Amino acid sequence: MKLKQHIPICANALFIYKLDLKKDLTLKFKKEEFKPLHKGVFFTGKKEHDSKKPLDILNHKTYKELTKEIKKALDFTIKDILMLENIDYEIYSSWLTKTEPNAYSQSHNHSNAWISGIYYPKYDPGFTIKFFNDNISQFFSIPKSYNIYNCRDWTITPEDNDLILFFSQLRHKIMRNESTNDRYSLAFNTIPKGPFGEGDSFLNF
């Protein structure tokens, strides 16, 4: 017997980038006004709130350089990895999250979005995020080693200036902050912009 081919048809993907930012943005993040989200978890939009787009922190001039770096990563993912040369996109929401020591979020995905992302300004071994594989078989036994075919979740400890891009339906969770420091991150959602799809699935956003 010889395995002819294996095709990870149900596998999802994470795209992790190291952004070229010289300054630690943690100090800027700390100056923002945060609102309660969960116990010990807070979020914010930008200071000058727009009633139509309340979560748009990346449109603030303070984060101009960060926005530029994020768009470089999005452009590469869409054009060079997904091979969608004629597709544009819009970052339609972006917000900051502060997670206090011992706090965590519920698992969730991002509705009404195409590609989402999370940026981490600072590494700490106590800051982790978990992504879940909801396509795995209902039958599960502990394997001798884990791979994309048998793992039920994947935990990442981001490093300085790491950006994680993922398809928005991918369920994820801010894991318990095991550090003595507050954990800061910036998240955002995108949607396609302009003509998208073909035939009876064609849309013009």
Foldseek 3Di string as FASTA:
>chain_A
DDDDDDDPPLFWDKDKDFFPDDDQCPVVLVPDDWDDDDVQKTKAAPPPADPVARAHNCVDPVNVSVVVRVVVVVCCCVCVVVVPPPWDKDFRGKMKMKGAAQGKWDKDFDPPFFKKKKWFQAFDPQWKKKWARPPADPDADDDPDDDSHHDGMDMDGDHHGMMMMTTRRTIMMGDHRNDNDIGMMMMTGMDIAAWDDDDPPIDHD
